[in-house]
Amino acid sequence: MGGKNSTIQTLINPEREIKNAYVHGISSSMVCKPDIPRFREFIPILLQYVLSRQMADKPVLWVAHNGRSFDVPFLMYEFQRSKIEMPGDWLFVDTLPIARQLIGSDGQKLKSVSLDNLREHYKIPLAGSAHRAMQDVITLCYVLQKLAFELKLTVPQLLERSFRVSDLATSRPGK
């Protein structure tokens, strides 16, 4: 539905030590507090939140950069670990392979299509710390708009590039 009223963010207690805090700024002490939910406690909140915003008879389209290799397997694992079934009408689009189609001003494919490099390529300002969920979501929203415009991608074409959880092998994501 768009706008501030359609965002949700929270820290999640992963029930393990947090590594790479220097990258994302999240430490074990930040997530091991009693008011920070574990994933199994957050999933029902997430499901209700998404359902309350879903348009009737329309799929939910999740967008992630490197989603096929990281985000979606991570979600699959956490849903399985929590013994909760992921909705079958959830579709996923990975912007990483889409971005690999970009051609730079020199006529060559871009050397790097990381989210940070795409943000810089499109001159999208960074308002906050990179690698924090909401900032990365905001950046990805702008990147997706720019990608779709530059590559002339329509919503039906994005839906054609989407995949379902059932399209992926079920395995635990990398650490």
N, C-alpha and C. Protein backbone atom coordinates (compact mmCIF):
# COMPACT_ATOMS: atom_id res chain seq x y z
N MET A 1 0.82 -1.19 0.00
CA MET A 1 0.00 0.00 0.00
C MET A 1 0.86 1.26 0.00
N GLY A 2 2.12 1.13 0.34
CA GLY A 2 3.05 2.25 0.28
C GLY A 2 2.96 3.17 1.48
N GLY A 3 3.97 3.99 1.65
CA GLY A 3 3.99 4.96 2.72
C GLY A 3 4.51 4.41 4.03
N LYS A 4 4.70 5.31 4.98
CA LYS A 4 5.25 4.91 6.28
C LYS A 4 4.38 3.91 7.00
N ASN A 5 3.08 3.95 6.75
CA ASN A 5 2.18 3.02 7.44
C ASN A 5 2.27 1.60 6.89
N SER A 6 3.07 1.40 5.88
CA SER A 6 3.23 0.06 5.32
C SER A 6 4.64 -0.47 5.51
N THR A 7 5.28 -0.04 6.56
CA THR A 7 6.59 -0.58 6.86
C THR A 7 6.56 -1.21 8.24
N ILE A 8 7.40 -2.17 8.39
CA ILE A 8 7.55 -2.82 9.69
C ILE A 8 9.03 -3.18 9.82
N GLN A 9 9.55 -2.95 10.98
CA GLN A 9 10.94 -3.34 11.22
C GLN A 9 11.11 -3.70 12.69
N THR A 10 11.94 -4.66 12.91
CA THR A 10 12.27 -5.06 14.27
C THR A 10 13.59 -5.82 14.25
N LEU A 11 14.27 -5.78 15.35
CA LEU A 11 15.38 -6.69 15.52
C LEU A 11 14.80 -8.06 15.82
N ILE A 12 15.53 -9.09 15.52
CA ILE A 12 15.13 -10.47 15.81
C ILE A 12 16.25 -11.12 16.60
N ASN A 13 15.88 -11.82 17.66
CA ASN A 13 16.86 -12.58 18.42
C ASN A 13 17.12 -13.89 17.66
N PRO A 14 18.31 -14.04 17.08
CA PRO A 14 18.59 -15.24 16.28
C PRO A 14 18.93 -16.47 17.12
N GLU A 15 18.97 -16.28 18.43
CA GLU A 15 19.28 -17.38 19.35
C GLU A 15 20.68 -17.95 19.09
N ARG A 16 21.58 -17.07 18.68
CA ARG A 16 22.98 -17.42 18.48
C ARG A 16 23.78 -16.14 18.51
N GLU A 17 25.09 -16.28 18.58
CA GLU A 17 25.97 -15.11 18.60
C GLU A 17 25.90 -14.37 17.26
N ILE A 18 25.89 -13.06 17.32
CA ILE A 18 25.88 -12.23 16.11
C ILE A 18 27.32 -12.05 15.62
N LYS A 19 27.52 -12.36 14.38
CA LYS A 19 28.84 -12.17 13.77
C LYS A 19 28.78 -10.99 12.82
N ASN A 20 29.93 -10.47 12.46
CA ASN A 20 30.06 -9.37 11.50
C ASN A 20 29.34 -8.10 11.94
N ALA A 21 29.34 -7.83 13.22
CA ALA A 21 28.70 -6.61 13.72
C ALA A 21 29.31 -5.37 13.09
N TYR A 22 30.56 -5.44 12.69
CA TYR A 22 31.22 -4.29 12.06
C TYR A 22 30.56 -3.95 10.72
N VAL A 23 29.88 -4.91 10.09
CA VAL A 23 29.22 -4.66 8.80
C VAL A 23 27.87 -4.00 9.01
N HIS A 24 27.06 -4.55 9.91
CA HIS A 24 25.67 -4.10 10.04
C HIS A 24 25.38 -3.35 11.33
N GLY A 25 26.31 -3.33 12.25
CA GLY A 25 26.12 -2.56 13.47
C GLY A 25 25.18 -3.19 14.48
N ILE A 26 24.86 -4.47 14.32
CA ILE A 26 23.97 -5.16 15.25
C ILE A 26 24.81 -6.12 16.08
N SER A 27 24.73 -5.98 17.40
CA SER A 27 25.52 -6.82 18.29
C SER A 27 24.62 -7.83 19.01
N SER A 28 25.24 -8.84 19.57
CA SER A 28 24.50 -9.84 20.34
C SER A 28 23.76 -9.20 21.50
N SER A 29 24.38 -8.22 22.14
CA SER A 29 23.72 -7.58 23.28
C SER A 29 22.47 -6.81 22.87
N MET A 30 22.41 -6.35 21.63
CA MET A 30 21.23 -5.63 21.14
C MET A 30 20.03 -6.55 20.96
N VAL A 31 20.27 -7.80 20.56
CA VAL A 31 19.17 -8.70 20.23
C VAL A 31 18.82 -9.70 21.33
N CYS A 32 19.61 -9.77 22.37
CA CYS A 32 19.37 -10.74 23.44
C CYS A 32 18.65 -10.11 24.62
N LYS A 33 17.71 -9.23 24.32
CA LYS A 33 16.90 -8.59 25.36
C LYS A 33 15.53 -9.23 25.37
N PRO A 34 14.85 -9.20 26.52
CA PRO A 34 13.55 -9.87 26.62
C PRO A 34 12.48 -9.33 25.66
N ASP A 35 12.57 -8.06 25.26
CA ASP A 35 11.55 -7.49 24.38
C ASP A 35 11.84 -7.70 22.89
N ILE A 36 12.94 -8.38 22.56
CA ILE A 36 13.29 -8.66 21.17
C ILE A 36 12.76 -10.06 20.83
N PRO A 37 11.87 -10.16 19.83
CA PRO A 37 11.27 -11.47 19.53
C PRO A 37 12.24 -12.42 18.84
N ARG A 38 12.00 -13.69 19.05
CA ARG A 38 12.67 -14.73 18.28
C ARG A 38 11.87 -14.86 16.98
N PHE A 39 12.47 -15.48 15.98
CA PHE A 39 11.79 -15.54 14.69
C PHE A 39 10.44 -16.24 14.79
N ARG A 40 10.37 -17.33 15.56
CA ARG A 40 9.10 -18.07 15.68
C ARG A 40 8.02 -17.21 16.33
N GLU A 41 8.41 -16.24 17.13
CA GLU A 41 7.44 -15.31 17.74
C GLU A 41 7.06 -14.20 16.77
N PHE A 42 7.97 -13.87 15.86
CA PHE A 42 7.71 -12.78 14.92
C PHE A 42 6.90 -13.23 13.70
N ILE A 43 7.04 -14.49 13.29
CA ILE A 43 6.36 -14.95 12.07
C ILE A 43 4.85 -14.69 12.12
N PRO A 44 4.13 -15.01 13.20
CA PRO A 44 2.69 -14.71 13.19
C PRO A 44 2.39 -13.21 13.03
N ILE A 45 3.25 -12.37 13.60
CA ILE A 45 3.08 -10.92 13.44
C ILE A 45 3.30 -10.54 11.99
N LEU A 46 4.33 -11.09 11.38
CA LEU A 46 4.62 -10.82 9.97
C LEU A 46 3.48 -11.29 9.08
N LEU A 47 3.00 -12.49 9.30
CA LEU A 47 1.90 -13.03 8.49
C LEU A 47 0.66 -12.15 8.58
N GLN A 48 0.31 -11.74 9.79
CA GLN A 48 -0.86 -10.87 9.97
C GLN A 48 -0.64 -9.52 9.32
N TYR A 49 0.54 -8.98 9.45
CA TYR A 49 0.87 -7.69 8.86
C TYR A 49 0.72 -7.75 7.34
N VAL A 50 1.30 -8.77 6.72
CA VAL A 50 1.23 -8.90 5.26
C VAL A 50 -0.21 -9.13 4.84
N LEU A 51 -0.91 -10.01 5.52
CA LEU A 51 -2.31 -10.31 5.17
C LEU A 51 -3.19 -9.06 5.26
N SER A 52 -2.92 -8.21 6.24
CA SER A 52 -3.73 -7.00 6.40
C SER A 52 -3.50 -5.99 5.27
N ARG A 53 -2.45 -6.16 4.51
CA ARG A 53 -2.13 -5.24 3.41
C ARG A 53 -2.28 -5.87 2.04
N GLN A 54 -2.52 -7.17 2.00
CA GLN A 54 -2.61 -7.87 0.73
C GLN A 54 -3.92 -7.55 0.03
N MET A 55 -3.83 -7.28 -1.26
CA MET A 55 -5.02 -7.02 -2.05
C MET A 55 -5.69 -8.35 -2.37
N ALA A 56 -7.02 -8.36 -2.36
CA ALA A 56 -7.78 -9.59 -2.60
C ALA A 56 -7.38 -10.24 -3.92
N ASP A 57 -7.17 -11.53 -3.87
CA ASP A 57 -6.85 -12.34 -5.05
C ASP A 57 -5.54 -11.94 -5.74
N LYS A 58 -4.65 -11.27 -5.03
CA LYS A 58 -3.37 -10.87 -5.59
C LYS A 58 -2.25 -11.54 -4.79
N PRO A 59 -1.18 -11.93 -5.48
CA PRO A 59 -0.05 -12.51 -4.74
C PRO A 59 0.70 -11.43 -3.98
N VAL A 60 1.50 -11.85 -3.05
CA VAL A 60 2.43 -10.97 -2.35
C VAL A 60 3.75 -11.10 -3.10
N LEU A 61 4.34 -9.97 -3.46
CA LEU A 61 5.61 -9.98 -4.17
C LEU A 61 6.69 -9.40 -3.27
N TRP A 62 7.63 -10.26 -2.88
CA TRP A 62 8.77 -9.86 -2.06
C TRP A 62 9.93 -9.59 -3.00
N VAL A 63 10.65 -8.52 -2.75
CA VAL A 63 11.80 -8.16 -3.58
C VAL A 63 13.03 -8.12 -2.68
N ALA A 64 14.09 -8.76 -3.14
CA ALA A 64 15.34 -8.76 -2.38
C ALA A 64 16.50 -8.79 -3.37
N HIS A 65 17.60 -8.20 -2.96
CA HIS A 65 18.82 -8.23 -3.77
C HIS A 65 19.62 -9.44 -3.30
N ASN A 66 19.83 -10.38 -4.17
CA ASN A 66 20.44 -11.67 -3.86
C ASN A 66 19.46 -12.55 -3.08
N GLY A 67 18.18 -12.34 -3.34
CA GLY A 67 17.12 -13.06 -2.64
C GLY A 67 17.12 -14.55 -2.88
N ARG A 68 17.41 -14.96 -4.10
CA ARG A 68 17.36 -16.39 -4.42
C ARG A 68 18.42 -17.17 -3.64
N SER A 69 19.57 -16.56 -3.43
CA SER A 69 20.66 -17.27 -2.74
C SER A 69 20.70 -17.03 -1.24
N PHE A 70 20.16 -15.90 -0.78
CA PHE A 70 20.28 -15.60 0.64
C PHE A 70 18.93 -15.40 1.33
N ASP A 71 18.21 -14.35 0.99
CA ASP A 71 17.03 -13.97 1.75
C ASP A 71 15.93 -15.04 1.77
N VAL A 72 15.61 -15.58 0.59
CA VAL A 72 14.53 -16.56 0.53
C VAL A 72 14.91 -17.86 1.23
N PRO A 73 16.11 -18.42 0.98
CA PRO A 73 16.47 -19.62 1.77
C PRO A 73 16.50 -19.35 3.27
N PHE A 74 16.91 -18.14 3.67
CA PHE A 74 16.90 -17.79 5.08
C PHE A 74 15.46 -17.81 5.62
N LEU A 75 14.54 -17.18 4.91
CA LEU A 75 13.13 -17.19 5.33
C LEU A 75 12.58 -18.61 5.37
N MET A 76 12.89 -19.39 4.34
CA MET A 76 12.43 -20.78 4.29
C MET A 76 12.89 -21.54 5.53
N TYR A 77 14.16 -21.39 5.86
CA TYR A 77 14.72 -22.09 7.01
C TYR A 77 14.01 -21.67 8.29
N GLU A 78 13.81 -20.38 8.48
CA GLU A 78 13.18 -19.91 9.72
C GLU A 78 11.73 -20.34 9.81
N PHE A 79 11.00 -20.34 8.70
CA PHE A 79 9.62 -20.85 8.72
C PHE A 79 9.62 -22.33 9.05
N GLN A 80 10.51 -23.11 8.42
CA GLN A 80 10.59 -24.54 8.70
C GLN A 80 10.97 -24.80 10.14
N ARG A 81 11.94 -24.06 10.63
CA ARG A 81 12.40 -24.23 12.02
C ARG A 81 11.28 -23.91 12.99
N SER A 82 10.43 -22.97 12.62
CA SER A 82 9.31 -22.58 13.48
C SER A 82 8.08 -23.45 13.26
N LYS A 83 8.19 -24.38 12.32
CA LYS A 83 7.08 -25.30 11.99
C LYS A 83 5.82 -24.52 11.55
N ILE A 84 6.06 -23.48 10.76
CA ILE A 84 4.98 -22.67 10.20
C ILE A 84 5.15 -22.69 8.69
N GLU A 85 4.04 -22.93 7.97
CA GLU A 85 4.10 -22.99 6.52
C GLU A 85 4.11 -21.59 5.92
N MET A 86 5.01 -21.37 5.00
CA MET A 86 5.07 -20.09 4.29
C MET A 86 3.91 -20.06 3.30
N PRO A 87 3.21 -18.95 3.20
CA PRO A 87 2.08 -18.88 2.27
C PRO A 87 2.48 -19.20 0.83
N GLY A 88 1.65 -19.97 0.17
CA GLY A 88 1.93 -20.40 -1.20
C GLY A 88 1.77 -19.30 -2.23
N ASP A 89 1.10 -18.20 -1.86
CA ASP A 89 0.92 -17.12 -2.83
C ASP A 89 2.01 -16.05 -2.72
N TRP A 90 3.03 -16.32 -1.95
CA TRP A 90 4.16 -15.39 -1.88
C TRP A 90 5.07 -15.65 -3.07
N LEU A 91 5.36 -14.59 -3.80
CA LEU A 91 6.30 -14.63 -4.92
C LEU A 91 7.52 -13.80 -4.55
N PHE A 92 8.65 -14.15 -5.14
CA PHE A 92 9.92 -13.47 -4.83
C PHE A 92 10.59 -13.04 -6.12
N VAL A 93 11.14 -11.83 -6.11
CA VAL A 93 11.93 -11.33 -7.22
C VAL A 93 13.31 -11.01 -6.68
N ASP A 94 14.31 -11.49 -7.38
CA ASP A 94 15.70 -11.22 -7.02
C ASP A 94 16.22 -10.16 -7.99
N THR A 95 16.59 -9.00 -7.47
CA THR A 95 17.07 -7.91 -8.33
C THR A 95 18.52 -8.11 -8.78
N LEU A 96 19.25 -9.02 -8.16
CA LEU A 96 20.65 -9.22 -8.54
C LEU A 96 20.80 -9.66 -10.00
N PRO A 97 20.12 -10.73 -10.44
CA PRO A 97 20.28 -11.10 -11.85
C PRO A 97 19.71 -10.06 -12.81
N ILE A 98 18.72 -9.32 -12.38
CA ILE A 98 18.18 -8.24 -13.21
C ILE A 98 19.25 -7.17 -13.39
N ALA A 99 19.90 -6.80 -12.30
CA ALA A 99 20.93 -5.75 -12.34
C ALA A 99 22.12 -6.16 -13.20
N ARG A 100 22.38 -7.44 -13.32
CA ARG A 100 23.51 -7.91 -14.14
C ARG A 100 23.31 -7.61 -15.62
N GLN A 101 22.10 -7.20 -16.00
CA GLN A 101 21.83 -6.83 -17.40
C GLN A 101 22.21 -5.38 -17.70
N LEU A 102 22.53 -4.61 -16.66
CA LEU A 102 22.80 -3.19 -16.85
C LEU A 102 24.09 -2.96 -17.63
N ILE A 103 24.04 -1.93 -18.46
CA ILE A 103 25.20 -1.52 -19.24
C ILE A 103 25.58 -0.12 -18.77
N GLY A 104 26.85 0.06 -18.46
CA GLY A 104 27.33 1.36 -18.00
C GLY A 104 27.50 2.35 -19.16
N SER A 105 27.89 3.56 -18.83
CA SER A 105 28.07 4.61 -19.84
C SER A 105 29.19 4.27 -20.82
N ASP A 106 30.08 3.34 -20.43
CA ASP A 106 31.18 2.93 -21.31
C ASP A 106 30.77 1.81 -22.27
N GLY A 107 29.49 1.41 -22.23
CA GLY A 107 29.00 0.36 -23.11
C GLY A 107 29.28 -1.04 -22.61
N GLN A 108 29.86 -1.16 -21.42
CA GLN A 108 30.18 -2.46 -20.82
C GLN A 108 29.21 -2.75 -19.66
N LYS A 109 29.08 -4.04 -19.35
CA LYS A 109 28.27 -4.39 -18.18
C LYS A 109 28.94 -3.80 -16.94
N LEU A 110 28.12 -3.45 -15.95
CA LEU A 110 28.68 -2.90 -14.72
C LEU A 110 29.58 -3.93 -14.06
N LYS A 111 30.69 -3.47 -13.50
CA LYS A 111 31.65 -4.38 -12.87
C LYS A 111 31.08 -5.00 -11.60
N SER A 112 30.32 -4.22 -10.86
CA SER A 112 29.72 -4.72 -9.62
C SER A 112 28.28 -4.25 -9.55
N VAL A 113 27.40 -5.16 -9.20
CA VAL A 113 25.99 -4.81 -9.05
C VAL A 113 25.52 -5.07 -7.61
N SER A 114 26.44 -4.85 -6.66
CA SER A 114 26.04 -4.92 -5.26
C SER A 114 25.02 -3.81 -5.01
N LEU A 115 24.24 -3.93 -3.97
CA LEU A 115 23.25 -2.91 -3.67
C LEU A 115 23.92 -1.56 -3.44
N ASP A 116 25.05 -1.54 -2.75
CA ASP A 116 25.79 -0.29 -2.54
C ASP A 116 26.23 0.33 -3.86
N ASN A 117 26.76 -0.50 -4.75
CA ASN A 117 27.22 0.03 -6.04
C ASN A 117 26.05 0.51 -6.90
N LEU A 118 24.92 -0.19 -6.82
CA LEU A 118 23.75 0.28 -7.57
C LEU A 118 23.23 1.60 -7.00
N ARG A 119 23.27 1.72 -5.68
CA ARG A 119 22.87 2.99 -5.06
C ARG A 119 23.75 4.12 -5.57
N GLU A 120 25.05 3.88 -5.63
CA GLU A 120 25.97 4.89 -6.13
C GLU A 120 25.76 5.14 -7.63
N HIS A 121 25.57 4.08 -8.40
CA HIS A 121 25.34 4.18 -9.84
C HIS A 121 24.13 5.08 -10.13
N TYR A 122 23.08 4.90 -9.35
CA TYR A 122 21.86 5.68 -9.55
C TYR A 122 21.82 6.97 -8.73
N LYS A 123 22.91 7.24 -8.02
CA LYS A 123 23.01 8.47 -7.21
C LYS A 123 21.86 8.59 -6.20
N ILE A 124 21.59 7.49 -5.54
CA ILE A 124 20.56 7.44 -4.50
C ILE A 124 21.24 7.78 -3.18
N PRO A 125 20.77 8.82 -2.48
CA PRO A 125 21.42 9.19 -1.22
C PRO A 125 21.23 8.13 -0.15
N LEU A 126 22.23 7.98 0.68
CA LEU A 126 22.17 7.06 1.81
C LEU A 126 21.75 7.86 3.03
N ALA A 127 20.56 7.55 3.53
CA ALA A 127 20.04 8.25 4.71
C ALA A 127 20.08 7.30 5.89
N GLY A 128 21.23 7.14 6.50
CA GLY A 128 21.38 6.19 7.59
C GLY A 128 22.50 5.22 7.27
N SER A 129 22.58 4.17 8.04
CA SER A 129 23.65 3.19 7.87
C SER A 129 23.26 2.13 6.85
N ALA A 130 24.15 1.86 5.91
CA ALA A 130 23.93 0.76 4.98
C ALA A 130 23.95 -0.54 5.77
N HIS A 131 23.33 -1.55 5.23
CA HIS A 131 23.25 -2.89 5.83
C HIS A 131 22.36 -2.93 7.07
N ARG A 132 21.57 -1.91 7.29
CA ARG A 132 20.49 -1.98 8.28
C ARG A 132 19.23 -2.17 7.47
N ALA A 133 18.32 -2.96 7.99
CA ALA A 133 17.18 -3.43 7.21
C ALA A 133 16.40 -2.31 6.54
N MET A 134 15.95 -1.31 7.30
CA MET A 134 15.09 -0.30 6.68
C MET A 134 15.84 0.53 5.65
N GLN A 135 17.09 0.86 5.91
CA GLN A 135 17.86 1.62 4.92
C GLN A 135 18.05 0.80 3.65
N ASP A 136 18.34 -0.48 3.80
CA ASP A 136 18.49 -1.32 2.62
C ASP A 136 17.17 -1.47 1.86
N VAL A 137 16.05 -1.53 2.58
CA VAL A 137 14.74 -1.61 1.94
C VAL A 137 14.48 -0.33 1.14
N ILE A 138 14.74 0.81 1.74
CA ILE A 138 14.53 2.09 1.05
C ILE A 138 15.42 2.16 -0.19
N THR A 139 16.68 1.79 -0.04
CA THR A 139 17.60 1.79 -1.18
C THR A 139 17.09 0.86 -2.27
N LEU A 140 16.66 -0.35 -1.89
CA LEU A 140 16.20 -1.32 -2.87
C LEU A 140 14.94 -0.83 -3.58
N CYS A 141 14.07 -0.12 -2.88
CA CYS A 141 12.88 0.44 -3.53
C CYS A 141 13.27 1.37 -4.67
N TYR A 142 14.22 2.25 -4.40
CA TYR A 142 14.68 3.18 -5.43
C TYR A 142 15.42 2.45 -6.54
N VAL A 143 16.26 1.49 -6.18
CA VAL A 143 17.00 0.72 -7.18
C VAL A 143 16.03 -0.03 -8.09
N LEU A 144 15.01 -0.65 -7.52
CA LEU A 144 14.04 -1.38 -8.33
C LEU A 144 13.34 -0.45 -9.31
N GLN A 145 12.96 0.73 -8.85
CA GLN A 145 12.32 1.71 -9.75
C GLN A 145 13.26 2.06 -10.90
N LYS A 146 14.53 2.33 -10.59
CA LYS A 146 15.50 2.71 -11.61
C LYS A 146 15.78 1.55 -12.57
N LEU A 147 15.91 0.33 -12.02
CA LEU A 147 16.13 -0.85 -12.86
C LEU A 147 14.97 -1.05 -13.82
N ALA A 148 13.77 -0.99 -13.28
CA ALA A 148 12.57 -1.20 -14.09
C ALA A 148 12.49 -0.16 -15.21
N PHE A 149 12.80 1.08 -14.88
CA PHE A 149 12.76 2.14 -15.89
C PHE A 149 13.83 1.93 -16.94
N GLU A 150 15.07 1.71 -16.49
CA GLU A 150 16.20 1.58 -17.42
C GLU A 150 16.05 0.36 -18.33
N LEU A 151 15.58 -0.74 -17.77
CA LEU A 151 15.44 -1.98 -18.54
C LEU A 151 14.05 -2.15 -19.15
N LYS A 152 13.20 -1.13 -18.93
CA LYS A 152 11.83 -1.12 -19.47
C LYS A 152 11.05 -2.36 -19.01
N LEU A 153 11.15 -2.66 -17.72
CA LEU A 153 10.46 -3.82 -17.15
C LEU A 153 9.09 -3.41 -16.64
N THR A 154 8.09 -4.13 -17.03
CA THR A 154 6.73 -3.89 -16.56
C THR A 154 6.45 -4.80 -15.35
N VAL A 155 5.37 -4.52 -14.65
CA VAL A 155 4.99 -5.39 -13.52
C VAL A 155 4.77 -6.82 -14.01
N PRO A 156 4.05 -7.05 -15.11
CA PRO A 156 3.92 -8.44 -15.58
C PRO A 156 5.27 -9.11 -15.87
N GLN A 157 6.23 -8.35 -16.37
CA GLN A 157 7.55 -8.92 -16.63
C GLN A 157 8.28 -9.25 -15.32
N LEU A 158 8.11 -8.41 -14.31
CA LEU A 158 8.69 -8.73 -13.00
C LEU A 158 8.04 -9.98 -12.43
N LEU A 159 6.73 -10.11 -12.59
CA LEU A 159 6.04 -11.30 -12.11
C LEU A 159 6.53 -12.55 -12.85
N GLU A 160 6.83 -12.41 -14.15
CA GLU A 160 7.38 -13.53 -14.92
C GLU A 160 8.74 -13.96 -14.38
N ARG A 161 9.51 -13.03 -13.84
CA ARG A 161 10.84 -13.33 -13.30
C ARG A 161 10.77 -13.80 -11.84
N SER A 162 9.60 -13.79 -11.27
CA SER A 162 9.47 -14.17 -9.87
C SER A 162 9.53 -15.69 -9.72
N PHE A 163 9.73 -16.10 -8.49
CA PHE A 163 9.77 -17.53 -8.19
C PHE A 163 9.06 -17.76 -6.86
N ARG A 164 8.71 -19.00 -6.62
CA ARG A 164 8.06 -19.40 -5.37
C ARG A 164 9.06 -20.20 -4.54
N VAL A 165 8.75 -20.32 -3.29
CA VAL A 165 9.60 -21.13 -2.40
C VAL A 165 9.73 -22.54 -2.95
N SER A 166 8.65 -23.06 -3.51
CA SER A 166 8.67 -24.43 -4.03
C SER A 166 9.66 -24.60 -5.19
N ASP A 167 10.09 -23.48 -5.79
CA ASP A 167 11.07 -23.54 -6.88
C ASP A 167 12.50 -23.75 -6.37
N LEU A 168 12.70 -23.59 -5.09
CA LEU A 168 14.03 -23.72 -4.50
C LEU A 168 14.12 -25.02 -3.70
N ALA A 169 15.29 -25.59 -3.68
CA ALA A 169 15.53 -26.76 -2.84
C ALA A 169 15.54 -26.30 -1.39
N THR A 170 14.99 -27.08 -0.52
CA THR A 170 14.97 -26.72 0.89
C THR A 170 16.27 -27.12 1.55
N SER A 171 17.00 -26.12 1.99
CA SER A 171 18.25 -26.37 2.69
C SER A 171 18.51 -25.19 3.63
N ARG A 172 19.36 -25.42 4.59
CA ARG A 172 19.70 -24.37 5.53
C ARG A 172 20.60 -23.35 4.83
N PRO A 173 20.29 -22.05 5.01
CA PRO A 173 21.11 -21.04 4.35
C PRO A 173 22.51 -20.99 4.95
N GLY A 174 23.43 -20.43 4.17
CA GLY A 174 24.80 -20.26 4.66
C GLY A 174 24.85 -19.31 5.83
N LYS A 175 25.87 -19.45 6.64
CA LYS A 175 25.98 -18.60 7.83
C LYS A 175 26.72 -17.35 7.50
